[in-house]
Amino acid sequence: MKDSFLEIATPSTPVNSNPKNVFKDSATQFRNFLIARLLINYGLRVGELLLLSINSRTLNRYSGNTSLTIDDTQDIEDYRSPKPKIKNEQSKRRIEISRDDYNLISYYIENYRPDNAKSDLLFLSLQYPFPPLSYSSIKKMFNIWDKQFRELYPNYYDSKYTDSIDKLSAHVCRHTWATLMLEYAHITAMNSSSSHEIAISQAIESLKKAGGW
């Protein structure tokens, strides 16, 4: 299901068109694809996504590790309503991201994000005067994806399956990430512990830290 979602969000290229992507221009396709990856690969809340800036990504020159800083911008000129915000103190965190996702963010900034935008926030409208995306922008984006997803994969919505969904949304992405993350963290913890109870406790703590709970 995750792979199918990323498939319909994958942008077309000059040599490989993606007929499943319903967004028309290349800049919108790439921006939305990056949003989809960050939401489902790292379980970001929508507010956290909307607070990312061009300086949120970090590359450690010595280790080569790449990360994303989740924090409030404290931007008094952010006039979005409702204004995105960090949910709690635990939500302020630095999460490791793949080098591929780091490179995708850099590529988006260098090639698609408007150079003359007044805001340093990462995700902007691609229409002048390039305001930052809002909660309603993300909701609209997912409504479009949900319609396409439902048409292409109706079985994912079939209630006879225990893992079916009612609607494709950013919050579903977060829950999907949490499920996969908990499974991975539990397997990792079991490798260093003979107790299932200890392993699941460690896995839950790891998930809470990564997810900002």
N, C-alpha and C. Protein backbone atom coordinates (compact mmCIF):
# COMPACT_ATOMS: atom_id res chain seq x y z
N MET A 1 0.83 -1.19 0.00
CA MET A 1 0.00 0.00 0.00
C MET A 1 0.87 1.26 0.00
N LYS A 2 1.92 1.23 0.82
CA LYS A 2 2.87 2.35 0.85
C LYS A 2 3.54 2.54 -0.51
N ASP A 3 3.99 1.45 -1.09
CA ASP A 3 4.64 1.52 -2.40
C ASP A 3 3.69 2.05 -3.47
N SER A 4 2.42 1.64 -3.39
CA SER A 4 1.43 2.09 -4.37
C SER A 4 1.18 3.59 -4.25
N PHE A 5 1.16 4.09 -3.01
CA PHE A 5 0.98 5.51 -2.80
C PHE A 5 2.14 6.31 -3.38
N LEU A 6 3.36 5.86 -3.08
CA LEU A 6 4.53 6.56 -3.61
C LEU A 6 4.59 6.46 -5.13
N GLU A 7 4.04 5.38 -5.67
CA GLU A 7 4.03 5.21 -7.13
C GLU A 7 3.17 6.27 -7.80
N ILE A 8 1.98 6.55 -7.25
CA ILE A 8 1.11 7.55 -7.89
C ILE A 8 1.64 8.97 -7.66
N ALA A 9 2.51 9.12 -6.65
CA ALA A 9 3.09 10.45 -6.37
C ALA A 9 4.39 10.68 -7.11
N THR A 10 4.98 9.63 -7.67
CA THR A 10 6.27 9.76 -8.35
C THR A 10 6.16 10.69 -9.55
N PRO A 11 7.04 11.69 -9.65
CA PRO A 11 6.95 12.62 -10.78
C PRO A 11 7.38 12.00 -12.09
N SER A 12 6.84 12.51 -13.16
CA SER A 12 7.27 12.10 -14.49
C SER A 12 8.66 12.67 -14.77
N THR A 13 9.35 12.04 -15.69
CA THR A 13 10.65 12.53 -16.13
C THR A 13 10.60 12.72 -17.64
N PRO A 14 11.59 13.42 -18.21
CA PRO A 14 11.58 13.60 -19.68
C PRO A 14 11.54 12.30 -20.46
N VAL A 15 12.06 11.23 -19.86
CA VAL A 15 12.11 9.96 -20.60
C VAL A 15 11.11 8.93 -20.08
N ASN A 16 10.40 9.27 -18.98
CA ASN A 16 9.51 8.28 -18.38
C ASN A 16 8.30 8.98 -17.79
N SER A 17 7.22 9.02 -18.53
CA SER A 17 6.00 9.66 -18.06
C SER A 17 5.29 8.75 -17.05
N ASN A 18 4.66 9.36 -16.06
CA ASN A 18 3.90 8.60 -15.08
C ASN A 18 2.42 8.96 -15.21
N PRO A 19 1.64 8.16 -15.94
CA PRO A 19 0.23 8.48 -16.15
C PRO A 19 -0.60 8.43 -14.88
N LYS A 20 -0.07 7.82 -13.81
CA LYS A 20 -0.82 7.74 -12.56
C LYS A 20 -0.73 9.03 -11.74
N ASN A 21 0.23 9.89 -12.09
CA ASN A 21 0.37 11.16 -11.38
C ASN A 21 -0.59 12.18 -11.98
N VAL A 22 -1.55 12.65 -11.18
CA VAL A 22 -2.60 13.52 -11.69
C VAL A 22 -2.20 15.00 -11.68
N PHE A 23 -1.08 15.34 -11.05
CA PHE A 23 -0.63 16.73 -11.07
C PHE A 23 0.11 16.99 -12.38
N LYS A 24 -0.08 18.16 -12.95
CA LYS A 24 0.32 18.39 -14.33
C LYS A 24 1.78 18.82 -14.52
N ASP A 25 2.21 19.89 -13.87
CA ASP A 25 3.54 20.42 -14.17
C ASP A 25 4.60 19.75 -13.30
N SER A 26 5.84 19.76 -13.77
CA SER A 26 6.94 19.03 -13.12
C SER A 26 7.27 19.58 -11.75
N ALA A 27 7.19 20.89 -11.57
CA ALA A 27 7.52 21.48 -10.28
C ALA A 27 6.54 21.03 -9.21
N THR A 28 5.25 21.05 -9.53
CA THR A 28 4.23 20.61 -8.57
C THR A 28 4.38 19.13 -8.28
N GLN A 29 4.64 18.33 -9.30
CA GLN A 29 4.82 16.89 -9.10
C GLN A 29 5.99 16.62 -8.15
N PHE A 30 7.11 17.29 -8.37
CA PHE A 30 8.29 17.02 -7.55
C PHE A 30 8.08 17.49 -6.12
N ARG A 31 7.51 18.68 -5.94
CA ARG A 31 7.24 19.18 -4.58
C ARG A 31 6.31 18.24 -3.83
N ASN A 32 5.23 17.82 -4.47
CA ASN A 32 4.26 16.95 -3.81
C ASN A 32 4.83 15.58 -3.53
N PHE A 33 5.66 15.07 -4.43
CA PHE A 33 6.33 13.79 -4.21
C PHE A 33 7.23 13.87 -2.98
N LEU A 34 7.96 14.95 -2.84
CA LEU A 34 8.83 15.13 -1.67
C LEU A 34 8.01 15.19 -0.39
N ILE A 35 6.89 15.89 -0.43
CA ILE A 35 6.00 15.94 0.73
C ILE A 35 5.52 14.55 1.11
N ALA A 36 5.10 13.77 0.10
CA ALA A 36 4.63 12.40 0.37
C ALA A 36 5.72 11.56 1.02
N ARG A 37 6.94 11.65 0.51
CA ARG A 37 8.05 10.87 1.07
C ARG A 37 8.35 11.25 2.52
N LEU A 38 8.38 12.53 2.81
CA LEU A 38 8.70 12.97 4.17
C LEU A 38 7.61 12.55 5.15
N LEU A 39 6.37 12.60 4.73
CA LEU A 39 5.27 12.23 5.62
C LEU A 39 5.26 10.74 5.91
N ILE A 40 5.45 9.92 4.89
CA ILE A 40 5.31 8.48 5.09
C ILE A 40 6.61 7.81 5.53
N ASN A 41 7.76 8.43 5.20
CA ASN A 41 9.03 7.84 5.61
C ASN A 41 9.44 8.22 7.03
N TYR A 42 8.91 9.35 7.54
CA TYR A 42 9.37 9.83 8.85
C TYR A 42 8.22 10.19 9.79
N GLY A 43 6.99 9.99 9.36
CA GLY A 43 5.86 10.18 10.25
C GLY A 43 5.67 11.59 10.74
N LEU A 44 6.03 12.58 9.94
CA LEU A 44 5.87 13.97 10.36
C LEU A 44 4.40 14.33 10.51
N ARG A 45 4.10 15.14 11.50
CA ARG A 45 2.79 15.77 11.57
C ARG A 45 2.73 16.84 10.49
N VAL A 46 1.53 17.19 10.06
CA VAL A 46 1.39 18.20 9.01
C VAL A 46 1.99 19.53 9.48
N GLY A 47 1.73 19.91 10.74
CA GLY A 47 2.29 21.14 11.27
C GLY A 47 3.80 21.15 11.23
N GLU A 48 4.41 20.01 11.52
CA GLU A 48 5.87 19.91 11.48
C GLU A 48 6.39 20.05 10.06
N LEU A 49 5.69 19.42 9.12
CA LEU A 49 6.07 19.53 7.71
C LEU A 49 6.03 20.99 7.25
N LEU A 50 4.98 21.70 7.65
CA LEU A 50 4.78 23.07 7.19
C LEU A 50 5.74 24.06 7.85
N LEU A 51 6.42 23.62 8.91
CA LEU A 51 7.39 24.48 9.59
C LEU A 51 8.82 24.24 9.11
N LEU A 52 9.02 23.26 8.25
CA LEU A 52 10.36 23.01 7.74
C LEU A 52 10.83 24.20 6.91
N SER A 53 12.11 24.54 7.07
CA SER A 53 12.69 25.63 6.30
C SER A 53 13.81 25.09 5.42
N ILE A 54 14.38 25.96 4.60
CA ILE A 54 15.48 25.53 3.74
C ILE A 54 16.73 25.19 4.56
N ASN A 55 16.72 25.58 5.85
CA ASN A 55 17.86 25.29 6.72
C ASN A 55 17.61 24.11 7.65
N SER A 56 16.49 23.43 7.48
CA SER A 56 16.14 22.33 8.38
C SER A 56 16.98 21.07 8.13
N ARG A 57 17.47 20.91 6.91
CA ARG A 57 18.25 19.72 6.60
C ARG A 57 19.70 19.96 7.03
N THR A 58 20.35 18.87 7.49
CA THR A 58 21.71 18.96 7.99
C THR A 58 22.54 17.81 7.44
N LEU A 59 23.77 18.11 7.02
CA LEU A 59 24.72 17.09 6.59
C LEU A 59 25.96 17.21 7.47
N ASN A 60 26.31 16.11 8.15
CA ASN A 60 27.52 16.08 8.96
C ASN A 60 28.70 15.75 8.06
N ARG A 61 29.62 16.70 7.92
CA ARG A 61 30.71 16.52 6.96
C ARG A 61 31.67 15.41 7.36
N TYR A 62 31.70 15.06 8.65
CA TYR A 62 32.63 14.03 9.10
C TYR A 62 32.03 12.63 9.00
N SER A 63 30.81 12.48 9.51
CA SER A 63 30.18 11.16 9.50
C SER A 63 29.41 10.91 8.21
N GLY A 64 29.01 11.99 7.54
CA GLY A 64 28.18 11.83 6.34
C GLY A 64 26.71 11.63 6.66
N ASN A 65 26.34 11.65 7.97
CA ASN A 65 24.95 11.46 8.36
C ASN A 65 24.11 12.66 7.97
N THR A 66 22.88 12.39 7.59
CA THR A 66 21.96 13.45 7.20
C THR A 66 20.75 13.45 8.13
N SER A 67 20.26 14.64 8.45
CA SER A 67 19.17 14.74 9.42
C SER A 67 18.26 15.90 9.08
N LEU A 68 17.14 15.94 9.80
CA LEU A 68 16.14 16.97 9.61
C LEU A 68 15.77 17.50 11.00
N THR A 69 15.87 18.82 11.18
CA THR A 69 15.53 19.44 12.46
C THR A 69 14.07 19.84 12.46
N ILE A 70 13.33 19.36 13.46
CA ILE A 70 11.92 19.68 13.62
C ILE A 70 11.80 20.69 14.76
N ASP A 71 11.36 21.89 14.44
CA ASP A 71 11.27 22.94 15.47
C ASP A 71 10.32 24.03 14.99
N ASP A 72 9.96 24.92 15.91
CA ASP A 72 9.14 26.06 15.56
C ASP A 72 10.02 27.13 14.93
N THR A 73 9.48 27.86 13.98
CA THR A 73 10.27 28.89 13.31
C THR A 73 10.26 30.21 14.07
N GLN A 74 9.25 30.43 14.91
CA GLN A 74 9.07 31.71 15.61
C GLN A 74 8.98 32.87 14.62
N ASP A 75 8.42 32.61 13.46
CA ASP A 75 8.32 33.63 12.42
C ASP A 75 7.09 34.49 12.67
N ILE A 76 7.30 35.75 13.06
CA ILE A 76 6.17 36.62 13.38
C ILE A 76 5.45 37.09 12.11
N GLU A 77 6.06 36.87 10.95
CA GLU A 77 5.44 37.24 9.70
C GLU A 77 4.74 36.07 9.01
N ASP A 78 4.59 34.98 9.75
CA ASP A 78 3.85 33.83 9.24
C ASP A 78 2.37 34.08 9.48
N TYR A 79 1.64 34.46 8.44
CA TYR A 79 0.25 34.85 8.58
C TYR A 79 -0.72 33.73 8.21
N ARG A 80 -0.23 32.51 8.11
CA ARG A 80 -1.13 31.41 7.79
C ARG A 80 -2.15 31.21 8.91
N SER A 81 -3.36 30.82 8.53
CA SER A 81 -4.40 30.59 9.53
C SER A 81 -5.11 29.26 9.25
N PRO A 82 -5.06 28.33 10.20
CA PRO A 82 -4.33 28.42 11.46
C PRO A 82 -2.82 28.34 11.24
N LYS A 83 -2.08 28.98 12.11
CA LYS A 83 -0.63 28.99 11.98
C LYS A 83 -0.05 27.65 12.43
N PRO A 84 0.78 27.01 11.60
CA PRO A 84 1.40 25.74 12.00
C PRO A 84 2.23 25.92 13.27
N LYS A 85 2.22 24.91 14.11
CA LYS A 85 3.01 24.99 15.34
C LYS A 85 3.45 23.61 15.78
N ILE A 86 4.48 23.59 16.62
CA ILE A 86 4.95 22.34 17.22
C ILE A 86 3.98 21.92 18.30
N LYS A 87 3.66 20.63 18.36
CA LYS A 87 2.62 20.17 19.27
C LYS A 87 3.05 20.26 20.73
N ASN A 88 4.27 19.86 21.03
CA ASN A 88 4.77 19.89 22.42
C ASN A 88 6.29 19.91 22.41
N GLU A 89 6.90 19.97 23.58
CA GLU A 89 8.36 20.04 23.68
C GLU A 89 9.02 18.79 23.12
N GLN A 90 8.35 17.64 23.28
CA GLN A 90 8.91 16.39 22.77
C GLN A 90 8.94 16.38 21.23
N SER A 91 8.13 17.24 20.63
CA SER A 91 8.09 17.30 19.17
C SER A 91 9.32 17.98 18.58
N LYS A 92 10.02 18.77 19.38
CA LYS A 92 11.24 19.42 18.91
C LYS A 92 12.36 18.38 18.93
N ARG A 93 12.84 18.01 17.75
CA ARG A 93 13.77 16.90 17.68
C ARG A 93 14.56 16.97 16.39
N ARG A 94 15.61 16.18 16.34
CA ARG A 94 16.37 16.01 15.10
C ARG A 94 16.27 14.55 14.71
N ILE A 95 15.79 14.29 13.51
CA ILE A 95 15.60 12.92 13.07
C ILE A 95 16.56 12.60 11.93
N GLU A 96 17.05 11.39 11.93
CA GLU A 96 17.91 10.96 10.83
C GLU A 96 17.06 10.71 9.59
N ILE A 97 17.57 11.16 8.46
CA ILE A 97 16.90 10.90 7.19
C ILE A 97 17.90 10.23 6.25
N SER A 98 17.40 9.57 5.23
CA SER A 98 18.28 8.91 4.28
C SER A 98 19.01 9.94 3.44
N ARG A 99 20.15 9.54 2.90
CA ARG A 99 20.88 10.45 2.03
C ARG A 99 20.07 10.74 0.76
N ASP A 100 19.28 9.76 0.32
CA ASP A 100 18.42 9.97 -0.84
C ASP A 100 17.43 11.11 -0.58
N ASP A 101 16.80 11.10 0.59
CA ASP A 101 15.83 12.14 0.90
C ASP A 101 16.51 13.49 1.10
N TYR A 102 17.68 13.49 1.68
CA TYR A 102 18.47 14.73 1.80
C TYR A 102 18.74 15.30 0.41
N ASN A 103 19.14 14.44 -0.51
CA ASN A 103 19.44 14.89 -1.87
C ASN A 103 18.19 15.38 -2.60
N LEU A 104 17.05 14.73 -2.33
CA LEU A 104 15.80 15.17 -2.95
C LEU A 104 15.40 16.56 -2.46
N ILE A 105 15.57 16.80 -1.17
CA ILE A 105 15.28 18.13 -0.62
C ILE A 105 16.19 19.17 -1.28
N SER A 106 17.47 18.85 -1.37
CA SER A 106 18.43 19.78 -1.99
C SER A 106 18.09 20.04 -3.45
N TYR A 107 17.70 18.99 -4.16
CA TYR A 107 17.35 19.13 -5.58
C TYR A 107 16.12 20.01 -5.74
N TYR A 108 15.14 19.81 -4.87
CA TYR A 108 13.92 20.62 -4.91
C TYR A 108 14.24 22.10 -4.69
N ILE A 109 15.09 22.38 -3.69
CA ILE A 109 15.46 23.77 -3.38
C ILE A 109 16.20 24.40 -4.57
N GLU A 110 17.09 23.65 -5.16
CA GLU A 110 17.94 24.19 -6.23
C GLU A 110 17.21 24.33 -7.57
N ASN A 111 16.18 23.49 -7.79
CA ASN A 111 15.59 23.45 -9.13
C ASN A 111 14.11 23.86 -9.21
N TYR A 112 13.37 23.74 -8.11
CA TYR A 112 11.94 23.98 -8.20
C TYR A 112 11.42 25.03 -7.22
N ARG A 113 12.01 25.14 -6.06
CA ARG A 113 11.52 26.13 -5.10
C ARG A 113 11.83 27.52 -5.64
N PRO A 114 10.84 28.45 -5.62
CA PRO A 114 11.07 29.78 -6.19
C PRO A 114 12.24 30.51 -5.53
N ASP A 115 13.16 31.02 -6.34
CA ASP A 115 14.35 31.71 -5.82
C ASP A 115 14.01 33.04 -5.16
N ASN A 116 12.97 33.69 -5.66
CA ASN A 116 12.65 35.03 -5.16
C ASN A 116 11.54 35.04 -4.12
N ALA A 117 11.32 33.91 -3.46
CA ALA A 117 10.31 33.85 -2.41
C ALA A 117 10.79 34.64 -1.19
N LYS A 118 9.87 35.32 -0.53
CA LYS A 118 10.23 36.10 0.65
C LYS A 118 10.45 35.22 1.88
N SER A 119 9.77 34.10 1.94
CA SER A 119 9.87 33.20 3.09
C SER A 119 11.00 32.20 2.88
N ASP A 120 11.62 31.76 4.00
CA ASP A 120 12.63 30.70 3.91
C ASP A 120 12.03 29.34 4.26
N LEU A 121 10.69 29.27 4.40
CA LEU A 121 10.04 27.99 4.62
C LEU A 121 10.21 27.12 3.39
N LEU A 122 10.22 25.81 3.60
CA LEU A 122 10.58 24.88 2.54
C LEU A 122 9.50 24.73 1.48
N PHE A 123 8.27 24.52 1.93
CA PHE A 123 7.20 24.19 0.98
C PHE A 123 6.30 25.41 0.74
N LEU A 124 6.33 25.86 -0.51
CA LEU A 124 5.63 27.07 -0.91
C LEU A 124 4.68 26.79 -2.05
N SER A 125 3.71 27.69 -2.21
CA SER A 125 2.94 27.70 -3.45
C SER A 125 3.90 28.05 -4.58
N LEU A 126 3.66 27.48 -5.74
CA LEU A 126 4.52 27.76 -6.88
C LEU A 126 3.96 28.88 -7.75
N GLN A 127 2.94 29.55 -7.24
CA GLN A 127 2.35 30.71 -7.91
C GLN A 127 2.71 31.98 -7.15
N TYR A 128 3.10 33.01 -7.89
CA TYR A 128 3.45 34.29 -7.27
C TYR A 128 2.29 34.80 -6.41
N PRO A 129 2.55 35.33 -5.21
CA PRO A 129 3.84 35.69 -4.60
C PRO A 129 4.48 34.57 -3.75
N PHE A 130 4.19 33.30 -4.04
CA PHE A 130 4.83 32.13 -3.45
C PHE A 130 4.65 32.05 -1.92
N PRO A 131 3.39 32.11 -1.43
CA PRO A 131 3.18 31.98 0.01
C PRO A 131 3.44 30.56 0.48
N PRO A 132 3.76 30.38 1.76
CA PRO A 132 3.95 29.03 2.30
C PRO A 132 2.67 28.21 2.21
N LEU A 133 2.82 26.92 1.99
CA LEU A 133 1.65 26.04 1.98
C LEU A 133 0.99 26.04 3.34
N SER A 134 -0.31 25.82 3.34
CA SER A 134 -1.11 25.83 4.57
C SER A 134 -1.68 24.44 4.84
N TYR A 135 -2.35 24.30 5.99
CA TYR A 135 -3.04 23.04 6.29
C TYR A 135 -4.04 22.70 5.19
N SER A 136 -4.77 23.71 4.72
CA SER A 136 -5.78 23.45 3.68
C SER A 136 -5.12 23.01 2.37
N SER A 137 -3.90 23.50 2.09
CA SER A 137 -3.18 23.07 0.89
C SER A 137 -2.87 21.58 0.94
N ILE A 138 -2.41 21.12 2.10
CA ILE A 138 -2.08 19.70 2.26
C ILE A 138 -3.35 18.85 2.20
N LYS A 139 -4.42 19.33 2.80
CA LYS A 139 -5.69 18.59 2.76
C LYS A 139 -6.19 18.46 1.33
N LYS A 140 -6.11 19.54 0.57
CA LYS A 140 -6.54 19.50 -0.83
C LYS A 140 -5.69 18.52 -1.63
N MET A 141 -4.38 18.54 -1.39
CA MET A 141 -3.46 17.63 -2.06
C MET A 141 -3.84 16.18 -1.80
N PHE A 142 -4.14 15.86 -0.55
CA PHE A 142 -4.48 14.48 -0.20
C PHE A 142 -5.87 14.09 -0.70
N ASN A 143 -6.77 15.04 -0.80
CA ASN A 143 -8.08 14.72 -1.38
C ASN A 143 -7.93 14.28 -2.84
N ILE A 144 -7.02 14.94 -3.56
CA ILE A 144 -6.74 14.56 -4.95
C ILE A 144 -6.10 13.18 -5.01
N TRP A 145 -5.11 12.96 -4.13
CA TRP A 145 -4.47 11.64 -4.08
C TRP A 145 -5.47 10.55 -3.69
N ASP A 146 -6.33 10.85 -2.72
CA ASP A 146 -7.29 9.86 -2.24
C ASP A 146 -8.22 9.41 -3.36
N LYS A 147 -8.69 10.36 -4.17
CA LYS A 147 -9.57 10.02 -5.28
C LYS A 147 -8.86 9.11 -6.28
N GLN A 148 -7.61 9.46 -6.61
CA GLN A 148 -6.83 8.65 -7.54
C GLN A 148 -6.53 7.27 -6.97
N PHE A 149 -6.17 7.22 -5.69
CA PHE A 149 -5.83 5.98 -5.01
C PHE A 149 -7.03 5.04 -4.96
N ARG A 150 -8.19 5.63 -4.69
CA ARG A 150 -9.42 4.83 -4.59
C ARG A 150 -9.81 4.24 -5.94
N GLU A 151 -9.59 5.00 -7.01
CA GLU A 151 -9.92 4.51 -8.35
C GLU A 151 -8.97 3.41 -8.80
N LEU A 152 -7.68 3.55 -8.47
CA LEU A 152 -6.69 2.59 -8.92
C LEU A 152 -6.62 1.34 -8.04
N TYR A 153 -6.86 1.52 -6.72
CA TYR A 153 -6.70 0.41 -5.78
C TYR A 153 -7.90 0.32 -4.85
N PRO A 154 -9.08 0.00 -5.36
CA PRO A 154 -10.28 -0.05 -4.51
C PRO A 154 -10.18 -1.09 -3.39
N ASN A 155 -9.35 -2.12 -3.58
CA ASN A 155 -9.23 -3.15 -2.54
C ASN A 155 -8.60 -2.60 -1.26
N TYR A 156 -7.83 -1.51 -1.37
CA TYR A 156 -7.23 -0.92 -0.17
C TYR A 156 -8.29 -0.29 0.74
N TYR A 157 -9.48 -0.06 0.18
CA TYR A 157 -10.57 0.55 0.94
C TYR A 157 -11.64 -0.47 1.34
N ASP A 158 -11.40 -1.72 1.01
CA ASP A 158 -12.38 -2.77 1.27
C ASP A 158 -12.34 -3.16 2.75
N SER A 159 -13.44 -2.96 3.45
CA SER A 159 -13.49 -3.18 4.90
C SER A 159 -13.35 -4.65 5.30
N LYS A 160 -13.41 -5.56 4.34
CA LYS A 160 -13.21 -6.97 4.71
C LYS A 160 -11.77 -7.25 5.07
N TYR A 161 -10.86 -6.32 4.70
CA TYR A 161 -9.45 -6.45 5.08
C TYR A 161 -9.19 -5.65 6.34
N THR A 162 -8.47 -6.24 7.28
CA THR A 162 -8.23 -5.57 8.57
C THR A 162 -7.30 -4.37 8.43
N ASP A 163 -6.52 -4.30 7.35
CA ASP A 163 -5.61 -3.17 7.18
C ASP A 163 -6.11 -2.19 6.11
N SER A 164 -7.41 -2.21 5.84
CA SER A 164 -7.97 -1.27 4.87
C SER A 164 -8.00 0.12 5.47
N ILE A 165 -8.17 1.14 4.61
CA ILE A 165 -8.26 2.52 5.07
C ILE A 165 -9.60 3.10 4.66
N ASP A 166 -10.06 4.10 5.43
CA ASP A 166 -11.29 4.81 5.08
C ASP A 166 -10.99 5.94 4.11
N LYS A 167 -9.83 6.57 4.29
CA LYS A 167 -9.46 7.71 3.46
C LYS A 167 -7.95 7.88 3.52
N LEU A 168 -7.34 8.20 2.40
CA LEU A 168 -5.91 8.48 2.37
C LEU A 168 -5.69 9.91 2.86
N SER A 169 -4.88 10.06 3.89
CA SER A 169 -4.64 11.37 4.49
C SER A 169 -3.22 11.42 5.03
N ALA A 170 -2.78 12.64 5.40
CA ALA A 170 -1.46 12.79 5.99
C ALA A 170 -1.37 12.04 7.31
N HIS A 171 -2.49 11.97 8.04
CA HIS A 171 -2.47 11.26 9.33
C HIS A 171 -2.35 9.76 9.13
N VAL A 172 -2.94 9.25 8.05
CA VAL A 172 -2.77 7.84 7.71
C VAL A 172 -1.30 7.55 7.43
N CYS A 173 -0.62 8.48 6.78
CA CYS A 173 0.82 8.32 6.54
C CYS A 173 1.58 8.20 7.86
N ARG A 174 1.23 9.03 8.82
CA ARG A 174 1.90 8.99 10.13
C ARG A 174 1.65 7.66 10.84
N HIS A 175 0.41 7.17 10.78
CA HIS A 175 0.09 5.88 11.41
C HIS A 175 0.81 4.73 10.71
N THR A 176 0.90 4.82 9.38
CA THR A 176 1.61 3.79 8.62
C THR A 176 3.08 3.76 9.02
N TRP A 177 3.69 4.94 9.08
CA TRP A 177 5.08 5.03 9.51
C TRP A 177 5.25 4.46 10.91
N ALA A 178 4.35 4.79 11.83
CA ALA A 178 4.45 4.33 13.22
C ALA A 178 4.39 2.81 13.30
N THR A 179 3.50 2.20 12.50
CA THR A 179 3.37 0.74 12.49
C THR A 179 4.65 0.08 12.00
N LEU A 180 5.19 0.59 10.89
CA LEU A 180 6.42 0.02 10.33
C LEU A 180 7.61 0.28 11.25
N MET A 181 7.66 1.45 11.85
CA MET A 181 8.75 1.81 12.74
C MET A 181 8.74 0.94 14.00
N LEU A 182 7.57 0.70 14.55
CA LEU A 182 7.47 -0.12 15.76
C LEU A 182 7.92 -1.55 15.47
N GLU A 183 7.51 -2.07 14.32
CA GLU A 183 7.92 -3.42 13.94
C GLU A 183 9.45 -3.51 13.82
N TYR A 184 10.04 -2.53 13.13
CA TYR A 184 11.50 -2.51 12.95
C TYR A 184 12.21 -2.35 14.30
N ALA A 185 11.72 -1.44 15.15
CA ALA A 185 12.35 -1.20 16.46
C ALA A 185 12.24 -2.43 17.35
N HIS A 186 11.14 -3.15 17.24
CA HIS A 186 10.97 -4.36 18.06
C HIS A 186 11.95 -5.45 17.63
N ILE A 187 12.10 -5.64 16.33
CA ILE A 187 13.06 -6.64 15.83
C ILE A 187 14.47 -6.28 16.27
N THR A 188 14.82 -5.00 16.18
CA THR A 188 16.14 -4.54 16.59
C THR A 188 16.36 -4.78 18.07
N ALA A 189 15.35 -4.46 18.90
CA ALA A 189 15.48 -4.65 20.34
C ALA A 189 15.57 -6.12 20.72
N MET A 190 14.87 -6.99 19.99
CA MET A 190 14.91 -8.42 20.28
C MET A 190 16.31 -9.00 20.03
N ASN A 191 17.07 -8.38 19.15
CA ASN A 191 18.43 -8.87 18.87
C ASN A 191 19.36 -8.68 20.06
N SER A 192 19.01 -7.76 20.95
CA SER A 192 19.87 -7.50 22.11
C SER A 192 19.20 -7.82 23.44
N SER A 193 18.01 -8.42 23.37
CA SER A 193 17.29 -8.76 24.60
C SER A 193 16.59 -10.10 24.43
N SER A 194 16.62 -10.90 25.48
CA SER A 194 15.95 -12.21 25.45
C SER A 194 14.50 -12.11 25.91
N SER A 195 14.11 -10.94 26.40
CA SER A 195 12.76 -10.76 26.93
C SER A 195 11.90 -9.99 25.94
N HIS A 196 10.76 -10.57 25.60
CA HIS A 196 9.84 -9.89 24.70
C HIS A 196 9.31 -8.61 25.34
N GLU A 197 9.04 -8.66 26.65
CA GLU A 197 8.49 -7.49 27.34
C GLU A 197 9.47 -6.33 27.32
N ILE A 198 10.76 -6.63 27.56
CA ILE A 198 11.77 -5.57 27.53
C ILE A 198 11.93 -5.03 26.12
N ALA A 199 11.93 -5.93 25.15
CA ALA A 199 12.11 -5.51 23.76
C ALA A 199 10.98 -4.60 23.29
N ILE A 200 9.73 -4.96 23.62
CA ILE A 200 8.61 -4.14 23.17
C ILE A 200 8.61 -2.80 23.88
N SER A 201 9.04 -2.79 25.16
CA SER A 201 9.13 -1.53 25.91
C SER A 201 10.18 -0.61 25.28
N GLN A 202 11.33 -1.19 24.92
CA GLN A 202 12.38 -0.41 24.27
C GLN A 202 11.92 0.10 22.90
N ALA A 203 11.19 -0.75 22.19
CA ALA A 203 10.70 -0.36 20.87
C ALA A 203 9.72 0.81 20.96
N ILE A 204 8.84 0.76 21.96
CA ILE A 204 7.86 1.84 22.15
C ILE A 204 8.56 3.15 22.50
N GLU A 205 9.57 3.08 23.37
CA GLU A 205 10.31 4.29 23.74
C GLU A 205 11.04 4.87 22.52
N SER A 206 11.60 3.99 21.70
CA SER A 206 12.28 4.44 20.49
C SER A 206 11.29 5.12 19.54
N LEU A 207 10.10 4.55 19.40
CA LEU A 207 9.07 5.12 18.54
C LEU A 207 8.62 6.48 19.06
N LYS A 208 8.44 6.59 20.37
CA LYS A 208 7.98 7.86 20.96
C LYS A 208 9.01 8.96 20.72
N LYS A 209 10.27 8.62 20.84
CA LYS A 209 11.32 9.61 20.62
C LYS A 209 11.35 10.06 19.16
N ALA A 210 11.26 9.11 18.24
CA ALA A 210 11.32 9.43 16.81
C ALA A 210 10.09 10.21 16.36
N GLY A 211 8.93 9.89 16.96
CA GLY A 211 7.68 10.50 16.53
C GLY A 211 7.29 11.75 17.27
N GLY A 212 8.08 12.13 18.28
CA GLY A 212 7.78 13.35 19.02
C GLY A 212 6.57 13.22 19.92
N TRP A 213 6.40 12.03 20.53
CA TRP A 213 5.32 11.84 21.51
C TRP A 213 5.86 12.03 22.92
